[in-house]
Amino acid sequence: MTKTVTLRLKEEVYNLFQEAAQAENRPLSNLIETAALGRLRDQQFVDPEEMEAILSDRTLLDSLKKGSRQARSRRGRFVD
């Protein structure tokens, strides 16, 4: 089910979005939705190079595994 969202934009920002949407021959709402989803994906997921660095860091992996075990057993503590 789709939802309607009201978005308040400065006129110059609106014009930039509108020009980009027209250049790609698609609705303004689709352009904004696609851009927002892309931004979320970029923030939520790591790129292949970053994942390789994570997976090659033995100390980090050991720490993550230890923290995961502690969380499952409800031990450990939250750090601010």
PDB file of N, CA and C in Angstrom:
ATOM      1  N   MET A   1       0.839  -1.176   0.000  1.00  0.00           N
ATOM      2  CA  MET A   1       0.000   0.000   0.000  1.00  0.00           C
ATOM      3  C   MET A   1       0.888   1.245   0.000  1.00  0.00           C
ATOM      4  N   THR A   2       0.638   2.129  -0.880  1.00  0.00           N
ATOM      5  CA  THR A   2       1.448   3.352  -0.960  1.00  0.00           C
ATOM      6  C   THR A   2       0.964   4.367   0.072  1.00  0.00           C
ATOM      7  N   LYS A   3       1.861   5.239   0.468  1.00  0.00           N
ATOM      8  CA  LYS A   3       1.571   6.303   1.428  1.00  0.00           C
ATOM      9  C   LYS A   3       1.894   7.640   0.781  1.00  0.00           C
ATOM     10  N   THR A   4       1.174   8.651   1.181  1.00  0.00           N
ATOM     11  CA  THR A   4       1.422  10.002   0.703  1.00  0.00           C
ATOM     12  C   THR A   4       2.180  10.771   1.770  1.00  0.00           C
ATOM     13  N   VAL A   5       3.223  11.472   1.342  1.00  0.00           N
ATOM     14  CA  VAL A   5       4.044  12.267   2.250  1.00  0.00           C
ATOM     15  C   VAL A   5       4.108  13.682   1.694  1.00  0.00           C
ATOM     16  N   THR A   6       3.914  14.642   2.560  1.00  0.00           N
ATOM     17  CA  THR A   6       4.047  16.039   2.149  1.00  0.00           C
ATOM     18  C   THR A   6       5.477  16.474   2.426  1.00  0.00           C
ATOM     19  N   LEU A   7       6.092  17.081   1.446  1.00  0.00           N
ATOM     20  CA  LEU A   7       7.482  17.495   1.557  1.00  0.00           C
ATOM     21  C   LEU A   7       7.574  18.984   1.235  1.00  0.00           C
ATOM     22  N   ARG A   8       8.142  19.741   2.137  1.00  0.00           N
ATOM     23  CA  ARG A   8       8.288  21.178   1.938  1.00  0.00           C
ATOM     24  C   ARG A   8       9.705  21.457   1.440  1.00  0.00           C
ATOM     25  N   LEU A   9       9.809  22.080   0.270  1.00  0.00           N
ATOM     26  CA  LEU A   9      11.113  22.366  -0.339  1.00  0.00           C
ATOM     27  C   LEU A   9      11.215  23.843  -0.678  1.00  0.00           C
ATOM     28  N   LYS A  10      12.418  24.359  -0.590  1.00  0.00           N
ATOM     29  CA  LYS A  10      12.654  25.707  -1.109  1.00  0.00           C
ATOM     30  C   LYS A  10      12.454  25.654  -2.617  1.00  0.00           C
ATOM     31  N   GLU A  11      12.049  26.758  -3.181  1.00  0.00           N
ATOM     32  CA  GLU A  11      11.738  26.777  -4.612  1.00  0.00           C
ATOM     33  C   GLU A  11      12.931  26.361  -5.467  1.00  0.00           C
ATOM     34  N   GLU A  12      14.128  26.814  -5.112  1.00  0.00           N
ATOM     35  CA  GLU A  12      15.299  26.461  -5.917  1.00  0.00           C
ATOM     36  C   GLU A  12      15.605  24.962  -5.836  1.00  0.00           C
ATOM     37  N   VAL A  13      15.365  24.357  -4.681  1.00  0.00           N
ATOM     38  CA  VAL A  13      15.568  22.911  -4.533  1.00  0.00           C
ATOM     39  C   VAL A  13      14.518  22.162  -5.354  1.00  0.00           C
ATOM     40  N   TYR A  14      13.279  22.612  -5.250  1.00  0.00           N
ATOM     41  CA  TYR A  14      12.201  22.005  -6.045  1.00  0.00           C
ATOM     42  C   TYR A  14      12.540  22.061  -7.536  1.00  0.00           C
ATOM     43  N   ASN A  15      13.011  23.203  -7.982  1.00  0.00           N
ATOM     44  CA  ASN A  15      13.348  23.366  -9.403  1.00  0.00           C
ATOM     45  C   ASN A  15      14.463  22.402  -9.824  1.00  0.00           C
ATOM     46  N   LEU A  16      15.460  22.208  -8.953  1.00  0.00           N
ATOM     47  CA  LEU A  16      16.539  21.258  -9.260  1.00  0.00           C
ATOM     48  C   LEU A  16      15.995  19.843  -9.402  1.00  0.00           C
ATOM     49  N   PHE A  17      15.139  19.442  -8.448  1.00  0.00           N
ATOM     50  CA  PHE A  17      14.528  18.115  -8.524  1.00  0.00           C
ATOM     51  C   PHE A  17      13.678  17.969  -9.783  1.00  0.00           C
ATOM     52  N   GLN A  18      12.890  18.994 -10.063  1.00  0.00           N
ATOM     53  CA  GLN A  18      12.004  18.942 -11.230  1.00  0.00           C
ATOM     54  C   GLN A  18      12.808  18.829 -12.525  1.00  0.00           C
ATOM     55  N   GLU A  19      13.878  19.574 -12.640  1.00  0.00           N
ATOM     56  CA  GLU A  19      14.734  19.493 -13.835  1.00  0.00           C
ATOM     57  C   GLU A  19      15.347  18.107 -13.978  1.00  0.00           C
ATOM     58  N   ALA A  20      15.813  17.544 -12.868  1.00  0.00           N
ATOM     59  CA  ALA A  20      16.410  16.208 -12.906  1.00  0.00           C
ATOM     60  C   ALA A  20      15.374  15.164 -13.299  1.00  0.00           C
ATOM     61  N   ALA A  21      14.170  15.270 -12.756  1.00  0.00           N
ATOM     62  CA  ALA A  21      13.105  14.321 -13.091  1.00  0.00           C
ATOM     63  C   ALA A  21      12.739  14.413 -14.570  1.00  0.00           C
ATOM     64  N   GLN A  22      12.643  15.624 -15.088  1.00  0.00           N
ATOM     65  CA  GLN A  22      12.322  15.803 -16.508  1.00  0.00           C
ATOM     66  C   GLN A  22      13.442  15.252 -17.384  1.00  0.00           C
ATOM     67  N   ALA A  23      14.680  15.465 -16.981  1.00  0.00           N
ATOM     68  CA  ALA A  23      15.810  14.975 -17.765  1.00  0.00           C
ATOM     69  C   ALA A  23      15.808  13.448 -17.837  1.00  0.00           C
ATOM     70  N   GLU A  24      15.302  12.793 -16.783  1.00  0.00           N
ATOM     71  CA  GLU A  24      15.250  11.331 -16.757  1.00  0.00           C
ATOM     72  C   GLU A  24      13.885  10.799 -17.171  1.00  0.00           C
ATOM     73  N   ASN A  25      12.989  11.717 -17.571  1.00  0.00           N
ATOM     74  CA  ASN A  25      11.656  11.366 -18.062  1.00  0.00           C
ATOM     75  C   ASN A  25      10.893  10.485 -17.062  1.00  0.00           C
ATOM     76  N   ARG A  26      10.847  10.969 -15.822  1.00  0.00           N
ATOM     77  CA  ARG A  26      10.093  10.235 -14.802  1.00  0.00           C
ATOM     78  C   ARG A  26       9.465  11.221 -13.823  1.00  0.00           C
ATOM     79  N   PRO A  27       8.501  10.763 -13.058  1.00  0.00           N
ATOM     80  CA  PRO A  27       7.825  11.660 -12.112  1.00  0.00           C
ATOM     81  C   PRO A  27       8.770  12.145 -11.017  1.00  0.00           C
ATOM     82  N   LEU A  28       8.488  13.333 -10.537  1.00  0.00           N
ATOM     83  CA  LEU A  28       9.277  13.921  -9.463  1.00  0.00           C
ATOM     84  C   LEU A  28       9.279  13.016  -8.232  1.00  0.00           C
ATOM     85  N   SER A  29       8.138  12.456  -7.881  1.00  0.00           N
ATOM     86  CA  SER A  29       8.056  11.597  -6.700  1.00  0.00           C
ATOM     87  C   SER A  29       8.968  10.379  -6.835  1.00  0.00           C
ATOM     88  N   ASN A  30       9.065   9.819  -8.047  1.00  0.00           N
ATOM     89  CA  ASN A  30       9.937   8.661  -8.266  1.00  0.00           C
ATOM     90  C   ASN A  30      11.402   9.054  -8.124  1.00  0.00           C
ATOM     91  N   LEU A  31      11.764  10.203  -8.619  1.00  0.00           N
ATOM     92  CA  LEU A  31      13.142  10.676  -8.500  1.00  0.00           C
ATOM     93  C   LEU A  31      13.524  10.833  -7.029  1.00  0.00           C
ATOM     94  N   ILE A  32      12.651  11.464  -6.246  1.00  0.00           N
ATOM     95  CA  ILE A  32      12.935  11.691  -4.825  1.00  0.00           C
ATOM     96  C   ILE A  32      12.983  10.365  -4.075  1.00  0.00           C
ATOM     97  N   GLU A  33      12.030   9.466  -4.359  1.00  0.00           N
ATOM     98  CA  GLU A  33      12.019   8.160  -3.686  1.00  0.00           C
ATOM     99  C   GLU A  33      13.289   7.372  -3.995  1.00  0.00           C
ATOM    100  N   THR A  34      13.691   7.346  -5.250  1.00  0.00           N
ATOM    101  CA  THR A  34      14.889   6.608  -5.656  1.00  0.00           C
ATOM    102  C   THR A  34      16.136   7.188  -5.006  1.00  0.00           C
ATOM    103  N   ALA A  35      16.245   8.497  -4.980  1.00  0.00           N
ATOM    104  CA  ALA A  35      17.402   9.154  -4.365  1.00  0.00           C
ATOM    105  C   ALA A  35      17.452   8.876  -2.861  1.00  0.00           C
ATOM    106  N   ALA A  36      16.304   8.948  -2.200  1.00  0.00           N
ATOM    107  CA  ALA A  36      16.261   8.713  -0.756  1.00  0.00           C
ATOM    108  C   ALA A  36      16.622   7.261  -0.430  1.00  0.00           C
ATOM    109  N   LEU A  37      16.085   6.321  -1.192  1.00  0.00           N
ATOM    110  CA  LEU A  37      16.410   4.909  -0.963  1.00  0.00           C
ATOM    111  C   LEU A  37      17.887   4.630  -1.202  1.00  0.00           C
ATOM    112  N   GLY A  38      18.452   5.224  -2.233  1.00  0.00           N
ATOM    113  CA  GLY A  38      19.882   5.060  -2.498  1.00  0.00           C
ATOM    114  C   GLY A  38      20.729   5.570  -1.353  1.00  0.00           C
ATOM    115  N   ARG A  39      20.348   6.694  -0.802  1.00  0.00           N
ATOM    116  CA  ARG A  39      21.080   7.274   0.330  1.00  0.00           C
ATOM    117  C   ARG A  39      20.996   6.365   1.555  1.00  0.00           C
ATOM    118  N   LEU A  40      19.811   5.828   1.821  1.00  0.00           N
ATOM    119  CA  LEU A  40      19.649   4.911   2.956  1.00  0.00           C
ATOM    120  C   LEU A  40      20.495   3.658   2.774  1.00  0.00           C
ATOM    121  N   ARG A  41      20.484   3.105   1.595  1.00  0.00           N
ATOM    122  CA  ARG A  41      21.279   1.899   1.331  1.00  0.00           C
ATOM    123  C   ARG A  41      22.763   2.171   1.505  1.00  0.00           C
ATOM    124  N   ASP A  42      23.204   3.331   1.052  1.00  0.00           N
ATOM    125  CA  ASP A  42      24.617   3.692   1.206  1.00  0.00           C
ATOM    126  C   ASP A  42      25.008   3.797   2.673  1.00  0.00           C
ATOM    127  N   GLN A  43      24.092   4.269   3.513  1.00  0.00           N
ATOM    128  CA  GLN A  43      24.392   4.430   4.929  1.00  0.00           C
ATOM    129  C   GLN A  43      24.259   3.131   5.706  1.00  0.00           C
ATOM    130  N   GLN A  44      23.359   2.247   5.280  1.00  0.00           N
ATOM    131  CA  GLN A  44      23.081   1.040   6.047  1.00  0.00           C
ATOM    132  C   GLN A  44      23.988  -0.128   5.713  1.00  0.00           C
ATOM    133  N   PHE A  45      24.553  -0.146   4.557  1.00  0.00           N
ATOM    134  CA  PHE A  45      25.347  -1.283   4.127  1.00  0.00           C
ATOM    135  C   PHE A  45      26.765  -0.845   3.801  1.00  0.00           C
ATOM    136  N   VAL A  46      27.700  -1.760   3.964  1.00  0.00           N
ATOM    137  CA  VAL A  46      29.088  -1.437   3.660  1.00  0.00           C
ATOM    138  C   VAL A  46      29.399  -1.833   2.225  1.00  0.00           C
ATOM    139  N   ASP A  47      30.347  -1.154   1.630  1.00  0.00           N
ATOM    140  CA  ASP A  47      30.750  -1.508   0.270  1.00  0.00           C
ATOM    141  C   ASP A  47      31.725  -2.696   0.331  1.00  0.00           C
ATOM    142  N   PRO A  48      31.990  -3.335  -0.786  1.00  0.00           N
ATOM    143  CA  PRO A  48      32.839  -4.535  -0.786  1.00  0.00           C
ATOM    144  C   PRO A  48      34.227  -4.319  -0.177  1.00  0.00           C
ATOM    145  N   GLU A  49      34.839  -3.156  -0.423  1.00  0.00           N
ATOM    146  CA  GLU A  49      36.165  -2.897   0.124  1.00  0.00           C
ATOM    147  C   GLU A  49      36.119  -2.802   1.646  1.00  0.00           C
ATOM    148  N   GLU A  50      35.085  -2.134   2.162  1.00  0.00           N
ATOM    149  CA  GLU A  50      34.951  -1.996   3.611  1.00  0.00           C
ATOM    150  C   GLU A  50      34.681  -3.359   4.253  1.00  0.00           C
ATOM    151  N   MET A  51      33.844  -4.183   3.613  1.00  0.00           N
ATOM    152  CA  MET A  51      33.565  -5.510   4.149  1.00  0.00           C
ATOM    153  C   MET A  51      34.821  -6.368   4.161  1.00  0.00           C
ATOM    154  N   GLU A  52      35.633  -6.244   3.144  1.00  0.00           N
ATOM    155  CA  GLU A  52      36.898  -6.986   3.096  1.00  0.00           C
ATOM    156  C   GLU A  52      37.802  -6.582   4.264  1.00  0.00           C
ATOM    157  N   ALA A  53      37.851  -5.282   4.550  1.00  0.00           N
ATOM    158  CA  ALA A  53      38.670  -4.797   5.671  1.00  0.00           C
ATOM    159  C   ALA A  53      38.136  -5.335   6.998  1.00  0.00           C
ATOM    160  N   ILE A  54      36.822  -5.361   7.143  1.00  0.00           N
ATOM    161  CA  ILE A  54      36.211  -5.881   8.372  1.00  0.00           C
ATOM    162  C   ILE A  54      36.544  -7.358   8.533  1.00  0.00           C
ATOM    163  N   LEU A  55      36.333  -8.131   7.470  1.00  0.00           N
ATOM    164  CA  LEU A  55      36.533  -9.577   7.547  1.00  0.00           C
ATOM    165  C   LEU A  55      38.001  -9.968   7.723  1.00  0.00           C
ATOM    166  N   SER A  56      38.914  -9.089   7.371  1.00  0.00           N
ATOM    167  CA  SER A  56      40.336  -9.412   7.524  1.00  0.00           C
ATOM    168  C   SER A  56      40.893  -8.961   8.880  1.00  0.00           C
ATOM    169  N   ASP A  57      40.083  -8.273   9.670  1.00  0.00           N
ATOM    170  CA  ASP A  57      40.519  -7.778  10.985  1.00  0.00           C
ATOM    171  C   ASP A  57      40.122  -8.794  12.061  1.00  0.00           C
ATOM    172  N   ARG A  58      41.037  -9.682  12.396  1.00  0.00           N
ATOM    173  CA  ARG A  58      40.772 -10.781  13.335  1.00  0.00           C
ATOM    174  C   ARG A  58      40.357 -10.256  14.712  1.00  0.00           C
ATOM    175  N   THR A  59      40.993  -9.195  15.196  1.00  0.00           N
ATOM    176  CA  THR A  59      40.664  -8.637  16.505  1.00  0.00           C
ATOM    177  C   THR A  59      39.234  -8.115  16.518  1.00  0.00           C
ATOM    178  N   LEU A  60      38.857  -7.420  15.480  1.00  0.00           N
ATOM    179  CA  LEU A  60      37.493  -6.895  15.378  1.00  0.00           C
ATOM    180  C   LEU A  60      36.479  -8.032  15.334  1.00  0.00           C
ATOM    181  N   LEU A  61      36.729  -9.047  14.525  1.00  0.00           N
ATOM    182  CA  LEU A  61      35.800 -10.175  14.419  1.00  0.00           C
ATOM    183  C   LEU A  61      35.649 -10.896  15.753  1.00  0.00           C
ATOM    184  N   ASP A  62      36.753 -11.104  16.454  1.00  0.00           N
ATOM    185  CA  ASP A  62      36.691 -11.751  17.768  1.00  0.00           C
ATOM    186  C   ASP A  62      35.852 -10.921  18.740  1.00  0.00           C
ATOM    187  N   SER A  63      36.038  -9.623  18.702  1.00  0.00           N
ATOM    188  CA  SER A  63      35.282  -8.729  19.579  1.00  0.00           C
ATOM    189  C   SER A  63      33.792  -8.761  19.236  1.00  0.00           C
ATOM    190  N   LEU A  64      33.466  -8.761  17.947  1.00  0.00           N
ATOM    191  CA  LEU A  64      32.063  -8.830  17.526  1.00  0.00           C
ATOM    192  C   LEU A  64      31.420 -10.148  17.951  1.00  0.00           C
ATOM    193  N   LYS A  65      32.146 -11.236  17.801  1.00  0.00           N
ATOM    194  CA  LYS A  65      31.621 -12.544  18.214  1.00  0.00           C
ATOM    195  C   LYS A  65      31.397 -12.588  19.724  1.00  0.00           C
ATOM    196  N   LYS A  66      32.338 -12.050  20.484  1.00  0.00           N
ATOM    197  CA  LYS A  66      32.207 -12.026  21.937  1.00  0.00           C
ATOM    198  C   LYS A  66      30.985 -11.196  22.337  1.00  0.00           C
ATOM    199  N   GLY A  67      30.829 -10.048  21.732  1.00  0.00           N
ATOM    200  CA  GLY A  67      29.683  -9.194  22.033  1.00  0.00           C
ATOM    201  C   GLY A  67      28.365  -9.859  21.665  1.00  0.00           C
ATOM    202  N   SER A  68      28.353 -10.570  20.550  1.00  0.00           N
ATOM    203  CA  SER A  68      27.148 -11.281  20.130  1.00  0.00           C
ATOM    204  C   SER A  68      26.785 -12.380  21.122  1.00  0.00           C
ATOM    205  N   ARG A  69      27.785 -13.124  21.580  1.00  0.00           N
ATOM    206  CA  ARG A  69      27.544 -14.176  22.587  1.00  0.00           C
ATOM    207  C   ARG A  69      27.000 -13.562  23.875  1.00  0.00           C
ATOM    208  N   GLN A  70      27.594 -12.454  24.303  1.00  0.00           N
ATOM    209  CA  GLN A  70      27.138 -11.799  25.529  1.00  0.00           C
ATOM    210  C   GLN A  70      25.700 -11.294  25.378  1.00  0.00           C
ATOM    211  N   ALA A  71      25.372 -10.764  24.232  1.00  0.00           N
ATOM    212  CA  ALA A  71      24.011 -10.264  24.007  1.00  0.00           C
ATOM    213  C   ALA A  71      23.001 -11.412  24.038  1.00  0.00           C
ATOM    214  N   ARG A  72      23.353 -12.530  23.406  1.00  0.00           N
ATOM    215  CA  ARG A  72      22.446 -13.690  23.404  1.00  0.00           C
ATOM    216  C   ARG A  72      22.206 -14.224  24.804  1.00  0.00           C
ATOM    217  N   SER A  73      23.238 -14.195  25.643  1.00  0.00           N
ATOM    218  CA  SER A  73      23.106 -14.704  27.007  1.00  0.00           C
ATOM    219  C   SER A  73      22.687 -13.611  27.991  1.00  0.00           C
ATOM    220  N   ARG A  74      22.388 -12.431  27.452  1.00  0.00           N
ATOM    221  CA  ARG A  74      21.944 -11.276  28.253  1.00  0.00           C
ATOM    222  C   ARG A  74      23.001 -10.846  29.272  1.00  0.00           C
ATOM    223  N   ARG A  75      24.249 -10.976  28.903  1.00  0.00           N
ATOM    224  CA  ARG A  75      25.354 -10.498  29.732  1.00  0.00           C
ATOM    225  C   ARG A  75      25.963  -9.286  29.040  1.00  0.00           C
ATOM    226  N   GLY A  76      26.947  -8.736  29.650  1.00  0.00           N
ATOM    227  CA  GLY A  76      27.613  -7.585  29.061  1.00  0.00           C
ATOM    228  C   GLY A  76      26.905  -6.313  29.478  1.00  0.00           C
ATOM    229  N   ARG A  77      27.316  -5.202  28.879  1.00  0.00           N
ATOM    230  CA  ARG A  77      26.710  -3.915  29.238  1.00  0.00           C
ATOM    231  C   ARG A  77      26.743  -3.005  28.017  1.00  0.00           C
ATOM    232  N   PHE A  78      25.856  -2.044  28.034  1.00  0.00           N
ATOM    233  CA  PHE A  78      25.835  -1.049  26.972  1.00  0.00           C
ATOM    234  C   PHE A  78      26.846   0.036  27.297  1.00  0.00           C
ATOM    235  N   VAL A  79      27.531   0.521  26.304  1.00  0.00           N
ATOM    236  CA  VAL A  79      28.509   1.587  26.484  1.00  0.00           C
ATOM    237  C   VAL A  79      28.010   2.808  25.748  1.00  0.00           C
ATOM    238  N   ASP A  80      27.964   3.922  26.449  1.00  0.00           N
ATOM    239  CA  ASP A  80      27.515   5.178  25.812  1.00  0.00           C
ATOM    240  C   ASP A  80      28.625   5.818  25.052  1.00  0.00           C
TER     241      ASP A  80
END
